[in-house]
């Protein structure tokens, strides 16, 4: 049985990318694969959203990128979190925690 795929809620893509890159530097395809793996195949990032987000995060200086050889031997652009990116990730996680707590309170109302 396969899991239902879940669209990434608006505003969470950046947080997911920042979190995955807080673990280690990766190229775009590896980021998408890691998110899919961690989420047990529920969240899938498509290239049409992922690569523009990576460029946007790089422009904000939350990521740095450099060309390097991938595990397949091809040149790929590897992304890594900057110090500013780590700070932003902490802000994003705190906001997410507040939101999920509030939603849970609403769902539990009347239970």
Protein backbone atom coordinates (compact mmCIF):
# COMPACT_ATOMS: atom_id res chain seq x y z
CA UNK A 1 0.00 0.00 0.00
CA UNK A 2 1.41 3.39 -0.96
CA UNK A 3 1.04 6.48 1.18
CA UNK A 4 -1.09 9.37 0.01
CA UNK A 5 1.09 12.20 -1.23
CA UNK A 6 0.70 15.46 0.55
CA UNK A 7 1.19 18.83 -1.11
CA UNK A 8 3.69 21.06 0.68
CA UNK A 9 1.67 23.77 2.44
CA UNK A 10 2.47 27.25 1.24
CA UNK A 11 5.30 28.78 3.23
CA UNK A 12 6.83 25.51 4.42
CA UNK A 13 9.09 24.71 1.46
CA UNK A 14 11.86 27.04 2.62
CA UNK A 15 11.75 25.58 6.12
CA UNK A 16 11.99 22.01 4.80
CA UNK A 17 14.95 22.89 2.58
CA UNK A 18 16.74 24.72 5.39
CA UNK A 19 16.21 21.80 7.75
CA UNK A 20 17.49 19.16 5.33
CA UNK A 21 20.54 21.28 4.58
CA UNK A 22 21.19 21.75 8.31
CA UNK A 23 22.06 18.05 8.32
CA UNK A 24 24.57 18.22 5.45
CA UNK A 25 25.30 19.98 2.15
CA UNK A 26 23.42 18.46 -0.80
CA UNK A 27 22.55 19.01 -4.42
CA UNK A 28 18.95 19.69 -5.44
CA UNK A 29 17.98 16.15 -6.42
CA UNK A 30 19.38 14.80 -3.13
CA UNK A 31 17.36 17.39 -1.18
CA UNK A 32 14.16 16.23 -2.88
CA UNK A 33 15.03 12.58 -2.27
CA UNK A 34 15.84 13.20 1.41
CA UNK A 35 12.55 15.02 2.06
CA UNK A 36 10.69 12.19 0.36
CA UNK A 37 12.60 9.59 2.40
CA UNK A 38 12.19 11.34 5.77
CA UNK A 39 8.45 11.86 5.15
CA UNK A 40 7.96 8.19 4.19
CA UNK A 41 7.07 9.17 0.62
CA UNK A 42 4.28 11.53 1.69
CA UNK A 43 6.01 14.82 0.77
CA UNK A 44 7.53 15.14 -2.68
CA UNK A 45 9.24 18.27 -3.91
CA UNK A 46 8.94 18.92 -7.61
CA UNK A 47 11.75 20.57 -9.55
CA UNK A 48 9.52 23.46 -10.59
CA UNK A 49 9.27 24.51 -6.94
CA UNK A 50 12.56 23.27 -5.53
CA UNK A 51 15.09 24.98 -7.78
CA UNK A 52 13.48 28.44 -7.69
CA UNK A 53 13.33 28.10 -3.88
CA UNK A 54 17.03 27.17 -3.73
CA UNK A 55 17.92 30.24 -5.81
CA UNK A 56 15.69 32.46 -3.67
CA UNK A 57 17.30 31.17 -0.46
CA UNK A 58 20.74 31.71 -1.95
CA UNK A 59 19.82 35.30 -2.85
CA UNK A 60 18.72 35.86 0.74
CA UNK A 61 22.16 34.53 1.77
CA UNK A 62 20.62 31.71 3.78
CA UNK A 63 22.39 29.23 1.50
CA UNK A 64 25.71 29.15 -0.28
CA UNK A 65 26.31 27.00 -3.33
CA UNK A 66 29.31 25.59 -5.11
CA UNK A 67 29.87 23.21 -7.96
CA UNK A 68 31.25 19.81 -7.03
CA UNK A 69 31.19 16.24 -8.23
CA UNK A 70 28.12 14.26 -7.19
CA UNK A 71 28.02 10.61 -6.21
CA UNK A 72 27.31 9.75 -9.87
CA UNK A 73 30.46 11.54 -11.02
CA UNK A 74 28.58 14.42 -12.61
CA UNK A 75 29.05 18.06 -11.68
CA UNK A 76 26.24 19.31 -9.47
CA UNK A 77 25.54 22.42 -7.49
CA UNK A 78 25.79 21.64 -3.78
CA UNK A 79 23.95 23.84 -1.32
CA UNK A 80 24.93 24.44 2.30
CA UNK A 81 23.38 26.45 5.10
CA UNK A 82 25.02 29.73 6.09
CA UNK A 83 25.04 31.15 9.60
CA UNK A 84 22.13 33.41 8.58
CA UNK A 85 20.34 30.33 7.25
CA UNK A 86 20.72 28.55 10.59
CA UNK A 87 19.24 31.57 12.36
CA UNK A 88 16.36 31.69 9.89
CA UNK A 89 15.71 27.98 10.38
CA UNK A 90 15.37 28.56 14.13
CA UNK A 91 12.86 31.36 13.45
CA UNK A 92 10.91 29.16 11.01
CA UNK A 93 10.81 26.22 13.45
CA UNK A 94 9.59 28.43 16.31
CA UNK A 95 6.82 29.86 14.11
CA UNK A 96 5.87 26.37 12.93
CA UNK A 97 5.72 25.11 16.53
CA UNK A 98 3.40 27.98 17.51
CA UNK A 99 1.14 27.37 14.52
CA UNK A 100 0.88 23.59 14.99
CA UNK A 101 0.18 24.05 18.71
CA UNK A 102 -2.60 26.54 17.94
CA UNK A 103 -4.12 24.26 15.29
CA UNK A 104 -4.02 21.32 17.70
CA UNK A 105 -5.81 23.43 20.34
CA UNK A 106 -8.50 24.29 17.80
CA UNK A 107 -8.90 20.64 16.75
CA UNK A 108 -9.14 19.54 20.37
CA UNK A 109 -11.86 22.08 21.17
CA UNK A 110 -14.98 20.23 22.27
CA UNK A 111 -13.26 16.85 22.34
